Amino acid sequence: MYLPKHFEETRTEVMHTLLRTHPLGLLVTLSGGELQANSIPFMLDAQRGPHGTLVAHVARANPLWREAALTPVLAVFQGPQAYVSPSGYASKAEHGKVVPTWNYVMVQARGRLRAIEDPQELHALVSRLTDTHERTRAAPWAVSDAPADYIAATLRGIVGIEIPIESLAGKWKVSQNRSAADREGVARMLDQEPGGAAMAAQVRNPGAASA
């Protein structure tokens, strides 16, 4: 991706935070000479590998786990994003030489996909995935809540996948190329817009945990 230095994020912990808070990744693979894209909710296992490992599962009927096995793949994670009107810039009143733009936060993870078919390993994988997404709920659901034979039949219809991350690239395009006065003007404007608070926080503090 196009990545000017002033928008580049290199802190692994910041990129990992985005992967955890925005786990729905767009997995891009190459199959039969054509690019394929699948939206997949991932879990990040930060302790496995120098950049962590992405873990998920797909339907057994989805050919990506066969066609992309052990080949380079790209997972794209999108964080807060917002249209930025020039009316928020302090410099608009000074010289008027301003135009609209779009702010966004993105992490791209690259690696090679491994398929997981072993029933015990797959059971452990979906249990961890479920616990990760259920743990903040008042009454968390667990895989063990469902009948064992039902879970066994369900597992036969899916395949686990994991991607040891070989490289991470983060892009935080959050008005860093503007003056401090312009950035604060943008943040105040976004604070007043529906859904704008997360981006306002990024403009004030790129890489903030709210991403």
N, C-alpha and C. Protein backbone atom coordinates (compact mmCIF):
# COMPACT_ATOMS: atom_id res chain seq x y z
N MET A 1 0.85 -1.19 0.00
CA MET A 1 0.00 0.00 0.00
C MET A 1 0.88 1.24 0.00
N TYR A 2 0.32 2.35 -0.46
CA TYR A 2 1.01 3.63 -0.43
C TYR A 2 1.10 4.07 1.03
N LEU A 3 2.32 4.33 1.52
CA LEU A 3 2.51 4.57 2.94
C LEU A 3 3.54 5.67 3.20
N PRO A 4 3.11 6.95 3.12
CA PRO A 4 4.01 8.05 3.48
C PRO A 4 4.48 7.90 4.92
N LYS A 5 5.71 8.33 5.19
CA LYS A 5 6.30 8.15 6.51
C LYS A 5 5.46 8.76 7.62
N HIS A 6 4.83 9.93 7.34
CA HIS A 6 4.10 10.60 8.42
C HIS A 6 2.79 9.88 8.77
N PHE A 7 2.37 8.90 7.96
CA PHE A 7 1.19 8.12 8.27
C PHE A 7 1.54 6.69 8.72
N GLU A 8 2.83 6.36 8.74
CA GLU A 8 3.24 4.99 9.04
C GLU A 8 3.20 4.71 10.53
N GLU A 9 2.63 3.57 10.90
CA GLU A 9 2.62 3.10 12.29
C GLU A 9 3.46 1.83 12.37
N THR A 10 4.48 1.84 13.22
CA THR A 10 5.39 0.70 13.30
C THR A 10 5.33 -0.02 14.64
N ARG A 11 4.59 0.52 15.60
CA ARG A 11 4.53 -0.09 16.94
C ARG A 11 3.66 -1.35 16.89
N THR A 12 4.27 -2.49 17.16
CA THR A 12 3.54 -3.76 17.10
C THR A 12 2.36 -3.76 18.05
N GLU A 13 2.54 -3.22 19.26
CA GLU A 13 1.47 -3.26 20.24
C GLU A 13 0.26 -2.44 19.79
N VAL A 14 0.51 -1.34 19.07
CA VAL A 14 -0.59 -0.51 18.57
C VAL A 14 -1.34 -1.26 17.47
N MET A 15 -0.60 -1.89 16.56
CA MET A 15 -1.25 -2.65 15.50
C MET A 15 -2.00 -3.86 16.05
N HIS A 16 -1.43 -4.51 17.05
CA HIS A 16 -2.11 -5.63 17.69
C HIS A 16 -3.42 -5.19 18.33
N THR A 17 -3.43 -4.01 18.94
CA THR A 17 -4.65 -3.49 19.55
C THR A 17 -5.75 -3.34 18.51
N LEU A 18 -5.39 -2.84 17.33
CA LEU A 18 -6.40 -2.70 16.28
C LEU A 18 -6.92 -4.06 15.84
N LEU A 19 -6.03 -5.05 15.70
CA LEU A 19 -6.47 -6.39 15.30
C LEU A 19 -7.44 -6.99 16.32
N ARG A 20 -7.23 -6.67 17.59
CA ARG A 20 -8.12 -7.22 18.62
C ARG A 20 -9.46 -6.49 18.65
N THR A 21 -9.44 -5.19 18.47
CA THR A 21 -10.68 -4.42 18.58
C THR A 21 -11.48 -4.38 17.28
N HIS A 22 -10.83 -4.69 16.16
CA HIS A 22 -11.50 -4.76 14.86
C HIS A 22 -11.11 -6.08 14.20
N PRO A 23 -11.60 -7.22 14.75
CA PRO A 23 -11.10 -8.53 14.32
C PRO A 23 -11.61 -9.02 12.97
N LEU A 24 -12.58 -8.33 12.38
CA LEU A 24 -13.08 -8.79 11.08
C LEU A 24 -12.10 -8.36 9.99
N GLY A 25 -11.33 -9.31 9.50
CA GLY A 25 -10.33 -9.00 8.49
C GLY A 25 -10.80 -9.39 7.10
N LEU A 26 -10.27 -8.71 6.11
CA LEU A 26 -10.51 -9.07 4.71
C LEU A 26 -9.31 -9.88 4.25
N LEU A 27 -9.52 -11.18 4.06
CA LEU A 27 -8.43 -12.08 3.67
C LEU A 27 -8.36 -12.15 2.15
N VAL A 28 -7.23 -11.72 1.60
CA VAL A 28 -7.03 -11.68 0.16
C VAL A 28 -6.09 -12.82 -0.24
N THR A 29 -6.56 -13.66 -1.16
CA THR A 29 -5.78 -14.80 -1.61
C THR A 29 -5.76 -14.83 -3.13
N LEU A 30 -4.84 -15.60 -3.67
CA LEU A 30 -4.74 -15.76 -5.12
C LEU A 30 -5.13 -17.19 -5.47
N SER A 31 -6.15 -17.33 -6.31
CA SER A 31 -6.64 -18.65 -6.68
C SER A 31 -6.89 -18.71 -8.18
N GLY A 32 -6.22 -19.64 -8.85
CA GLY A 32 -6.40 -19.78 -10.29
C GLY A 32 -6.07 -18.53 -11.06
N GLY A 33 -5.12 -17.78 -10.58
CA GLY A 33 -4.72 -16.55 -11.25
C GLY A 33 -5.62 -15.36 -10.96
N GLU A 34 -6.62 -15.54 -10.10
CA GLU A 34 -7.53 -14.45 -9.76
C GLU A 34 -7.47 -14.15 -8.26
N LEU A 35 -7.59 -12.86 -7.91
CA LEU A 35 -7.64 -12.48 -6.51
C LEU A 35 -9.01 -12.79 -5.93
N GLN A 36 -9.02 -13.34 -4.72
CA GLN A 36 -10.26 -13.62 -3.99
C GLN A 36 -10.20 -12.87 -2.66
N ALA A 37 -11.34 -12.40 -2.18
CA ALA A 37 -11.39 -11.68 -0.90
C ALA A 37 -12.53 -12.24 -0.06
N ASN A 38 -12.22 -12.63 1.17
CA ASN A 38 -13.21 -13.17 2.10
C ASN A 38 -13.13 -12.43 3.43
N SER A 39 -14.27 -11.98 3.94
CA SER A 39 -14.31 -11.35 5.27
C SER A 39 -14.36 -12.45 6.32
N ILE A 40 -13.39 -12.42 7.23
CA ILE A 40 -13.26 -13.49 8.22
C ILE A 40 -12.93 -12.88 9.59
N PRO A 41 -13.66 -13.25 10.65
CA PRO A 41 -13.29 -12.79 11.99
C PRO A 41 -12.09 -13.59 12.52
N PHE A 42 -11.04 -12.89 12.88
CA PHE A 42 -9.81 -13.53 13.33
C PHE A 42 -9.61 -13.32 14.83
N MET A 43 -8.86 -14.21 15.41
CA MET A 43 -8.33 -14.02 16.76
C MET A 43 -6.82 -13.87 16.64
N LEU A 44 -6.26 -12.93 17.36
CA LEU A 44 -4.81 -12.75 17.36
C LEU A 44 -4.20 -13.51 18.53
N ASP A 45 -3.27 -14.41 18.22
CA ASP A 45 -2.45 -15.05 19.25
C ASP A 45 -1.10 -14.35 19.23
N ALA A 46 -0.98 -13.34 20.08
CA ALA A 46 0.20 -12.47 20.05
C ALA A 46 1.48 -13.17 20.51
N GLN A 47 1.35 -14.28 21.21
CA GLN A 47 2.52 -14.95 21.78
C GLN A 47 3.19 -15.91 20.81
N ARG A 48 2.55 -16.16 19.67
CA ARG A 48 3.11 -17.13 18.72
C ARG A 48 3.74 -16.40 17.55
N GLY A 49 5.06 -16.46 17.47
CA GLY A 49 5.78 -15.81 16.37
C GLY A 49 6.16 -14.39 16.70
N PRO A 50 7.12 -13.83 15.96
CA PRO A 50 7.61 -12.48 16.24
C PRO A 50 6.56 -11.39 16.04
N HIS A 51 5.56 -11.63 15.18
CA HIS A 51 4.51 -10.65 14.94
C HIS A 51 3.13 -11.16 15.36
N GLY A 52 3.08 -12.37 15.93
CA GLY A 52 1.81 -12.97 16.31
C GLY A 52 1.28 -13.90 15.22
N THR A 53 0.18 -14.56 15.51
CA THR A 53 -0.46 -15.49 14.57
C THR A 53 -1.96 -15.21 14.54
N LEU A 54 -2.53 -15.15 13.34
CA LEU A 54 -3.96 -14.98 13.17
C LEU A 54 -4.62 -16.35 13.11
N VAL A 55 -5.74 -16.49 13.83
CA VAL A 55 -6.43 -17.77 13.91
C VAL A 55 -7.90 -17.55 13.58
N ALA A 56 -8.50 -18.47 12.82
CA ALA A 56 -9.90 -18.35 12.44
C ALA A 56 -10.39 -19.70 11.94
N HIS A 57 -11.62 -19.74 11.43
CA HIS A 57 -12.11 -20.93 10.76
C HIS A 57 -13.02 -20.51 9.62
N VAL A 58 -13.16 -21.40 8.65
CA VAL A 58 -14.01 -21.15 7.49
C VAL A 58 -14.84 -22.40 7.22
N ALA A 59 -15.88 -22.25 6.43
CA ALA A 59 -16.68 -23.40 6.03
C ALA A 59 -15.82 -24.36 5.21
N ARG A 60 -16.00 -25.65 5.44
CA ARG A 60 -15.25 -26.64 4.67
C ARG A 60 -15.53 -26.48 3.18
N ALA A 61 -16.73 -26.00 2.84
CA ALA A 61 -17.09 -25.81 1.43
C ALA A 61 -16.36 -24.64 0.79
N ASN A 62 -15.78 -23.77 1.62
CA ASN A 62 -15.04 -22.63 1.09
C ASN A 62 -13.68 -23.12 0.56
N PRO A 63 -13.40 -22.96 -0.72
CA PRO A 63 -12.17 -23.53 -1.28
C PRO A 63 -10.89 -22.83 -0.84
N LEU A 64 -11.01 -21.70 -0.15
CA LEU A 64 -9.78 -20.95 0.13
C LEU A 64 -8.80 -21.74 0.99
N TRP A 65 -9.30 -22.59 1.90
CA TRP A 65 -8.38 -23.30 2.80
C TRP A 65 -7.54 -24.34 2.06
N ARG A 66 -8.06 -24.80 0.90
CA ARG A 66 -7.26 -25.71 0.07
C ARG A 66 -6.37 -24.94 -0.90
N GLU A 67 -6.97 -23.97 -1.57
CA GLU A 67 -6.28 -23.26 -2.64
C GLU A 67 -5.18 -22.33 -2.12
N ALA A 68 -5.37 -21.82 -0.89
CA ALA A 68 -4.39 -20.86 -0.36
C ALA A 68 -3.42 -21.48 0.63
N ALA A 69 -3.54 -22.79 0.89
CA ALA A 69 -2.69 -23.44 1.88
C ALA A 69 -1.21 -23.25 1.54
N LEU A 70 -0.47 -22.76 2.50
CA LEU A 70 0.98 -22.57 2.42
C LEU A 70 1.41 -21.55 1.38
N THR A 71 0.48 -20.73 0.90
CA THR A 71 0.82 -19.69 -0.07
C THR A 71 0.75 -18.32 0.62
N PRO A 72 1.42 -17.30 0.10
CA PRO A 72 1.35 -15.97 0.70
C PRO A 72 -0.07 -15.41 0.63
N VAL A 73 -0.55 -14.86 1.76
CA VAL A 73 -1.88 -14.26 1.81
C VAL A 73 -1.77 -12.90 2.49
N LEU A 74 -2.81 -12.10 2.33
CA LEU A 74 -2.86 -10.76 2.90
C LEU A 74 -4.16 -10.59 3.66
N ALA A 75 -4.08 -10.19 4.93
CA ALA A 75 -5.27 -9.90 5.73
C ALA A 75 -5.28 -8.40 6.04
N VAL A 76 -6.39 -7.75 5.73
CA VAL A 76 -6.51 -6.30 5.90
C VAL A 76 -7.54 -6.01 6.99
N PHE A 77 -7.14 -5.20 7.96
CA PHE A 77 -8.01 -4.83 9.08
C PHE A 77 -8.22 -3.32 9.07
N GLN A 78 -9.48 -2.93 9.11
CA GLN A 78 -9.85 -1.51 9.03
C GLN A 78 -10.34 -1.03 10.38
N GLY A 79 -9.80 0.09 10.84
CA GLY A 79 -10.24 0.70 12.10
C GLY A 79 -11.15 1.88 11.85
N PRO A 80 -11.14 2.88 12.72
CA PRO A 80 -11.99 4.05 12.53
C PRO A 80 -11.70 4.75 11.21
N GLN A 81 -12.73 5.35 10.63
CA GLN A 81 -12.57 6.11 9.39
C GLN A 81 -13.62 7.21 9.38
N ALA A 82 -13.30 8.31 8.71
CA ALA A 82 -14.24 9.43 8.69
C ALA A 82 -13.88 10.41 7.58
N TYR A 83 -14.90 10.99 7.00
CA TYR A 83 -14.72 12.12 6.06
C TYR A 83 -14.30 13.34 6.87
N VAL A 84 -13.35 14.08 6.33
CA VAL A 84 -12.87 15.30 7.00
C VAL A 84 -13.18 16.51 6.12
N SER A 85 -14.06 17.36 6.61
CA SER A 85 -14.43 18.58 5.88
C SER A 85 -13.40 19.67 6.12
N PRO A 86 -13.08 20.46 5.10
CA PRO A 86 -12.15 21.58 5.29
C PRO A 86 -12.66 22.61 6.29
N SER A 87 -13.96 22.57 6.56
CA SER A 87 -14.52 23.55 7.49
C SER A 87 -13.99 23.37 8.91
N GLY A 88 -13.38 22.23 9.19
CA GLY A 88 -12.83 22.01 10.51
C GLY A 88 -11.44 22.60 10.71
N TYR A 89 -10.77 22.98 9.63
CA TYR A 89 -9.41 23.49 9.73
C TYR A 89 -9.38 24.94 10.18
N ALA A 90 -8.51 25.24 11.12
CA ALA A 90 -8.30 26.64 11.52
C ALA A 90 -7.73 27.43 10.34
N SER A 91 -6.94 26.77 9.49
CA SER A 91 -6.29 27.46 8.37
C SER A 91 -7.28 27.88 7.29
N LYS A 92 -8.50 27.34 7.32
CA LYS A 92 -9.50 27.76 6.34
C LYS A 92 -9.77 29.26 6.46
N ALA A 93 -9.85 29.75 7.69
CA ALA A 93 -10.11 31.17 7.91
C ALA A 93 -8.90 32.03 7.58
N GLU A 94 -7.70 31.43 7.59
CA GLU A 94 -6.47 32.19 7.36
C GLU A 94 -6.22 32.41 5.87
N HIS A 95 -6.33 31.34 5.07
CA HIS A 95 -5.99 31.48 3.66
C HIS A 95 -6.93 30.74 2.71
N GLY A 96 -7.79 29.87 3.24
CA GLY A 96 -8.76 29.18 2.40
C GLY A 96 -8.19 28.09 1.52
N LYS A 97 -6.89 27.83 1.58
CA LYS A 97 -6.27 26.83 0.71
C LYS A 97 -6.36 25.45 1.36
N VAL A 98 -7.57 24.93 1.44
CA VAL A 98 -7.81 23.64 2.06
C VAL A 98 -8.82 22.86 1.21
N VAL A 99 -8.75 21.54 1.29
CA VAL A 99 -9.66 20.67 0.54
C VAL A 99 -10.08 19.51 1.45
N PRO A 100 -11.17 18.83 1.09
CA PRO A 100 -11.60 17.68 1.90
C PRO A 100 -10.61 16.52 1.81
N THR A 101 -10.71 15.62 2.77
CA THR A 101 -9.92 14.39 2.74
C THR A 101 -10.68 13.32 3.51
N TRP A 102 -10.08 12.14 3.59
CA TRP A 102 -10.67 11.04 4.35
C TRP A 102 -9.62 10.48 5.28
N ASN A 103 -9.94 10.41 6.54
CA ASN A 103 -9.04 9.81 7.52
C ASN A 103 -9.41 8.35 7.75
N TYR A 104 -8.40 7.52 7.99
CA TYR A 104 -8.68 6.11 8.26
C TYR A 104 -7.49 5.46 8.95
N VAL A 105 -7.77 4.31 9.53
CA VAL A 105 -6.76 3.51 10.22
C VAL A 105 -6.80 2.10 9.64
N MET A 106 -5.63 1.56 9.32
CA MET A 106 -5.58 0.26 8.67
C MET A 106 -4.31 -0.50 9.07
N VAL A 107 -4.47 -1.82 9.19
CA VAL A 107 -3.32 -2.70 9.39
C VAL A 107 -3.38 -3.80 8.35
N GLN A 108 -2.25 -4.09 7.74
CA GLN A 108 -2.14 -5.19 6.79
C GLN A 108 -1.18 -6.23 7.36
N ALA A 109 -1.63 -7.48 7.38
CA ALA A 109 -0.80 -8.58 7.88
C ALA A 109 -0.57 -9.58 6.75
N ARG A 110 0.66 -9.99 6.59
CA ARG A 110 1.02 -10.94 5.54
C ARG A 110 1.63 -12.20 6.16
N GLY A 111 1.35 -13.34 5.54
CA GLY A 111 1.90 -14.60 6.00
C GLY A 111 1.48 -15.72 5.08
N ARG A 112 1.65 -16.95 5.56
CA ARG A 112 1.25 -18.13 4.78
C ARG A 112 0.20 -18.91 5.57
N LEU A 113 -0.83 -19.30 4.89
CA LEU A 113 -1.98 -19.92 5.53
C LEU A 113 -1.76 -21.42 5.77
N ARG A 114 -2.13 -21.86 6.96
CA ARG A 114 -2.09 -23.28 7.31
C ARG A 114 -3.50 -23.73 7.65
N ALA A 115 -3.93 -24.86 7.09
CA ALA A 115 -5.25 -25.40 7.39
C ALA A 115 -5.18 -26.36 8.58
N ILE A 116 -6.23 -26.37 9.39
CA ILE A 116 -6.30 -27.22 10.58
C ILE A 116 -7.53 -28.11 10.46
N GLU A 117 -7.31 -29.42 10.31
CA GLU A 117 -8.42 -30.36 10.18
C GLU A 117 -8.53 -31.35 11.34
N ASP A 118 -7.48 -31.49 12.12
CA ASP A 118 -7.51 -32.42 13.24
C ASP A 118 -8.65 -32.05 14.19
N PRO A 119 -9.57 -33.00 14.49
CA PRO A 119 -10.75 -32.69 15.29
C PRO A 119 -10.44 -32.09 16.66
N GLN A 120 -9.44 -32.62 17.36
CA GLN A 120 -9.11 -32.10 18.69
C GLN A 120 -8.53 -30.69 18.60
N GLU A 121 -7.64 -30.49 17.64
CA GLU A 121 -7.05 -29.17 17.46
C GLU A 121 -8.11 -28.16 17.04
N LEU A 122 -9.04 -28.59 16.19
CA LEU A 122 -10.11 -27.71 15.73
C LEU A 122 -11.06 -27.37 16.87
N HIS A 123 -11.37 -28.35 17.72
CA HIS A 123 -12.23 -28.10 18.88
C HIS A 123 -11.60 -27.07 19.80
N ALA A 124 -10.30 -27.22 20.05
CA ALA A 124 -9.60 -26.27 20.91
C ALA A 124 -9.59 -24.88 20.28
N LEU A 125 -9.44 -24.84 18.96
CA LEU A 125 -9.40 -23.55 18.25
C LEU A 125 -10.74 -22.81 18.37
N VAL A 126 -11.85 -23.50 18.08
CA VAL A 126 -13.14 -22.81 18.14
C VAL A 126 -13.50 -22.46 19.58
N SER A 127 -13.05 -23.24 20.54
CA SER A 127 -13.30 -22.92 21.95
C SER A 127 -12.58 -21.62 22.33
N ARG A 128 -11.33 -21.48 21.88
CA ARG A 128 -10.59 -20.24 22.17
C ARG A 128 -11.20 -19.05 21.46
N LEU A 129 -11.61 -19.25 20.20
CA LEU A 129 -12.26 -18.17 19.46
C LEU A 129 -13.53 -17.72 20.17
N THR A 130 -14.34 -18.68 20.59
CA THR A 130 -15.59 -18.36 21.26
C THR A 130 -15.32 -17.64 22.58
N ASP A 131 -14.40 -18.15 23.37
CA ASP A 131 -14.09 -17.52 24.66
C ASP A 131 -13.60 -16.09 24.48
N THR A 132 -12.82 -15.86 23.42
CA THR A 132 -12.29 -14.52 23.16
C THR A 132 -13.42 -13.52 22.92
N HIS A 133 -14.42 -13.92 22.15
CA HIS A 133 -15.50 -12.99 21.80
C HIS A 133 -16.63 -12.97 22.82
N GLU A 134 -16.71 -13.96 23.69
CA GLU A 134 -17.79 -14.04 24.66
C GLU A 134 -17.41 -13.51 26.04
N ARG A 135 -16.11 -13.37 26.32
CA ARG A 135 -15.67 -13.14 27.69
C ARG A 135 -16.17 -11.84 28.31
N THR A 136 -16.54 -10.85 27.50
CA THR A 136 -17.00 -9.59 28.06
C THR A 136 -18.52 -9.57 28.27
N ARG A 137 -19.21 -10.62 27.89
CA ARG A 137 -20.66 -10.66 28.03
C ARG A 137 -21.05 -11.04 29.45
N ALA A 138 -22.23 -10.58 29.89
CA ALA A 138 -22.69 -10.87 31.25
C ALA A 138 -22.89 -12.36 31.47
N ALA A 139 -23.38 -13.06 30.45
CA ALA A 139 -23.58 -14.51 30.55
C ALA A 139 -22.92 -15.16 29.35
N PRO A 140 -21.60 -15.36 29.38
CA PRO A 140 -20.86 -15.87 28.22
C PRO A 140 -21.34 -17.27 27.80
N TRP A 141 -21.46 -17.45 26.49
CA TRP A 141 -21.76 -18.76 25.94
C TRP A 141 -20.44 -19.49 25.71
N ALA A 142 -20.43 -20.79 25.94
CA ALA A 142 -19.24 -21.61 25.72
C ALA A 142 -19.58 -22.77 24.81
N VAL A 143 -18.60 -23.28 24.11
CA VAL A 143 -18.82 -24.41 23.22
C VAL A 143 -19.41 -25.59 24.00
N SER A 144 -19.00 -25.74 25.25
CA SER A 144 -19.49 -26.85 26.07
C SER A 144 -20.96 -26.70 26.43
N ASP A 145 -21.58 -25.55 26.16
CA ASP A 145 -23.01 -25.37 26.43
C ASP A 145 -23.88 -26.15 25.46
N ALA A 146 -23.34 -26.47 24.29
CA ALA A 146 -24.10 -27.19 23.27
C ALA A 146 -23.85 -28.70 23.41
N PRO A 147 -24.79 -29.54 22.97
CA PRO A 147 -24.58 -31.00 23.04
C PRO A 147 -23.31 -31.42 22.29
N ALA A 148 -22.59 -32.35 22.85
CA ALA A 148 -21.31 -32.77 22.28
C ALA A 148 -21.47 -33.32 20.86
N ASP A 149 -22.56 -34.09 20.61
CA ASP A 149 -22.72 -34.64 19.28
C ASP A 149 -23.03 -33.56 18.24
N TYR A 150 -23.73 -32.52 18.69
CA TYR A 150 -24.02 -31.39 17.80
C TYR A 150 -22.74 -30.64 17.45
N ILE A 151 -21.89 -30.41 18.44
CA ILE A 151 -20.61 -29.73 18.19
C ILE A 151 -19.74 -30.57 17.27
N ALA A 152 -19.71 -31.88 17.49
CA ALA A 152 -18.89 -32.76 16.64
C ALA A 152 -19.35 -32.69 15.20
N ALA A 153 -20.67 -32.67 14.99
CA ALA A 153 -21.19 -32.58 13.62
C ALA A 153 -20.87 -31.22 13.01
N THR A 154 -20.97 -30.17 13.81
CA THR A 154 -20.67 -28.82 13.32
C THR A 154 -19.20 -28.70 12.93
N LEU A 155 -18.32 -29.27 13.73
CA LEU A 155 -16.89 -29.19 13.44
C LEU A 155 -16.54 -29.88 12.12
N ARG A 156 -17.31 -30.90 11.75
CA ARG A 156 -17.04 -31.57 10.49
C ARG A 156 -17.33 -30.67 9.28
N GLY A 157 -18.07 -29.61 9.51
CA GLY A 157 -18.41 -28.69 8.42
C GLY A 157 -17.51 -27.49 8.31
N ILE A 158 -16.47 -27.41 9.16
CA ILE A 158 -15.56 -26.26 9.11
C ILE A 158 -14.11 -26.74 9.10
N VAL A 159 -13.23 -25.82 8.76
CA VAL A 159 -11.78 -26.06 8.79
C VAL A 159 -11.13 -24.87 9.47
N GLY A 160 -10.22 -25.14 10.36
CA GLY A 160 -9.48 -24.06 11.01
C GLY A 160 -8.39 -23.53 10.10
N ILE A 161 -8.08 -22.27 10.25
CA ILE A 161 -6.95 -21.70 9.52
C ILE A 161 -6.12 -20.86 10.48
N GLU A 162 -4.85 -20.81 10.24
CA GLU A 162 -3.98 -19.91 10.99
C GLU A 162 -2.93 -19.34 10.06
N ILE A 163 -2.55 -18.11 10.35
CA ILE A 163 -1.58 -17.39 9.53
C ILE A 163 -0.50 -16.82 10.44
N PRO A 164 0.64 -17.50 10.58
CA PRO A 164 1.76 -16.88 11.30
C PRO A 164 2.17 -15.60 10.56
N ILE A 165 2.09 -14.47 11.25
CA ILE A 165 2.31 -13.19 10.59
C ILE A 165 3.80 -12.99 10.31
N GLU A 166 4.11 -12.81 9.04
CA GLU A 166 5.50 -12.58 8.64
C GLU A 166 5.83 -11.10 8.61
N SER A 167 4.82 -10.26 8.37
CA SER A 167 5.05 -8.81 8.38
C SER A 167 3.75 -8.09 8.70
N LEU A 168 3.88 -6.96 9.39
CA LEU A 168 2.75 -6.10 9.72
C LEU A 168 3.04 -4.70 9.20
N ALA A 169 2.04 -4.07 8.61
CA ALA A 169 2.17 -2.68 8.16
C ALA A 169 0.96 -1.91 8.65
N GLY A 170 1.21 -0.80 9.33
CA GLY A 170 0.11 0.01 9.85
C GLY A 170 0.08 1.38 9.20
N LYS A 171 -1.12 1.82 8.85
CA LYS A 171 -1.29 3.16 8.28
C LYS A 171 -2.34 3.89 9.11
N TRP A 172 -1.91 4.95 9.76
CA TRP A 172 -2.79 5.81 10.55
C TRP A 172 -2.84 7.16 9.84
N LYS A 173 -3.80 7.33 8.95
CA LYS A 173 -3.96 8.60 8.24
C LYS A 173 -4.95 9.44 9.05
N VAL A 174 -4.42 10.16 10.02
CA VAL A 174 -5.28 10.85 10.99
C VAL A 174 -4.84 12.31 11.17
N SER A 175 -4.62 12.97 10.04
CA SER A 175 -4.34 14.41 10.01
C SER A 175 -2.97 14.80 10.57
N GLN A 176 -2.00 13.84 10.60
CA GLN A 176 -0.67 14.20 11.11
C GLN A 176 0.03 15.23 10.24
N ASN A 177 -0.39 15.36 8.99
CA ASN A 177 0.25 16.32 8.07
C ASN A 177 -0.32 17.72 8.21
N ARG A 178 -1.22 17.94 9.16
CA ARG A 178 -1.80 19.26 9.39
C ARG A 178 -1.17 19.90 10.64
N SER A 179 -1.37 21.19 10.78
CA SER A 179 -0.87 21.90 11.96
C SER A 179 -1.64 21.46 13.21
N ALA A 180 -1.08 21.79 14.38
CA ALA A 180 -1.75 21.43 15.63
C ALA A 180 -3.14 22.07 15.71
N ALA A 181 -3.26 23.31 15.24
CA ALA A 181 -4.54 24.00 15.28
C ALA A 181 -5.55 23.32 14.34
N ASP A 182 -5.09 22.91 13.18
CA ASP A 182 -5.98 22.20 12.25
C ASP A 182 -6.42 20.86 12.83
N ARG A 183 -5.49 20.14 13.45
CA ARG A 183 -5.83 18.84 14.01
C ARG A 183 -6.88 18.97 15.12
N GLU A 184 -6.70 19.95 15.97
CA GLU A 184 -7.67 20.14 17.04
C GLU A 184 -9.02 20.56 16.48
N GLY A 185 -9.00 21.36 15.42
CA GLY A 185 -10.26 21.76 14.78
C GLY A 185 -10.98 20.55 14.20
N VAL A 186 -10.23 19.66 13.57
CA VAL A 186 -10.81 18.44 13.01
C VAL A 186 -11.38 17.56 14.13
N ALA A 187 -10.63 17.42 15.22
CA ALA A 187 -11.08 16.59 16.33
C ALA A 187 -12.38 17.13 16.93
N ARG A 188 -12.44 18.44 17.12
CA ARG A 188 -13.66 19.04 17.68
C ARG A 188 -14.84 18.83 16.73
N MET A 189 -14.60 18.97 15.44
CA MET A 189 -15.66 18.76 14.46
C MET A 189 -16.15 17.31 14.50
N LEU A 190 -15.21 16.36 14.54
CA LEU A 190 -15.59 14.95 14.56
C LEU A 190 -16.32 14.58 15.85
N ASP A 191 -15.96 15.24 16.95
CA ASP A 191 -16.65 14.97 18.22
C ASP A 191 -18.14 15.24 18.12
N GLN A 192 -18.51 16.14 17.24
CA GLN A 192 -19.91 16.54 17.10
C GLN A 192 -20.66 15.70 16.08
N GLU A 193 -19.97 14.81 15.38
CA GLU A 193 -20.60 14.04 14.31
C GLU A 193 -20.89 12.62 14.78
N PRO A 194 -22.00 12.02 14.34
CA PRO A 194 -22.33 10.64 14.72
C PRO A 194 -21.20 9.68 14.36
N GLY A 195 -20.74 8.93 15.34
CA GLY A 195 -19.69 7.95 15.10
C GLY A 195 -18.31 8.54 14.92
N GLY A 196 -18.16 9.84 15.18
CA GLY A 196 -16.88 10.49 14.93
C GLY A 196 -15.90 10.47 16.09
N ALA A 197 -16.34 10.04 17.28
CA ALA A 197 -15.49 10.12 18.47
C ALA A 197 -14.22 9.29 18.36
N ALA A 198 -14.33 8.09 17.76
CA ALA A 198 -13.16 7.22 17.66
C ALA A 198 -12.07 7.85 16.79
N MET A 199 -12.49 8.47 15.66
CA MET A 199 -11.50 9.13 14.82
C MET A 199 -10.97 10.39 15.48
N ALA A 200 -11.82 11.13 16.20
CA ALA A 200 -11.36 12.31 16.92
C ALA A 200 -10.25 11.94 17.90
N ALA A 201 -10.41 10.80 18.57
CA ALA A 201 -9.39 10.35 19.51
C ALA A 201 -8.09 10.04 18.79
N GLN A 202 -8.17 9.47 17.59
CA GLN A 202 -6.97 9.17 16.82
C GLN A 202 -6.27 10.44 16.34
N VAL A 203 -7.07 11.44 15.94
CA VAL A 203 -6.47 12.71 15.50
C VAL A 203 -5.70 13.35 16.65
N ARG A 204 -6.25 13.27 17.83
CA ARG A 204 -5.59 13.87 19.00
C ARG A 204 -4.39 13.02 19.46
N ASN A 205 -4.50 11.72 19.28
CA ASN A 205 -3.44 10.80 19.77
C ASN A 205 -3.35 9.59 18.85
N PRO A 206 -2.61 9.70 17.75
CA PRO A 206 -2.51 8.57 16.80
C PRO A 206 -2.07 7.29 17.50
N GLY A 207 -2.81 6.22 17.24
CA GLY A 207 -2.50 4.95 17.88
C GLY A 207 -3.13 4.77 19.23
N ALA A 208 -4.06 5.66 19.61
CA ALA A 208 -4.74 5.54 20.90
C ALA A 208 -5.46 4.20 20.99
N ALA A 209 -5.60 3.71 22.20
CA ALA A 209 -6.19 2.39 22.41
C ALA A 209 -7.62 2.29 21.91
N SER A 210 -8.30 3.40 21.73
CA SER A 210 -9.69 3.37 21.28
C SER A 210 -9.81 2.88 19.84
N ALA A 211 -8.67 2.78 19.11
CA ALA A 211 -8.73 2.31 17.72
C ALA A 211 -9.30 0.92 17.65
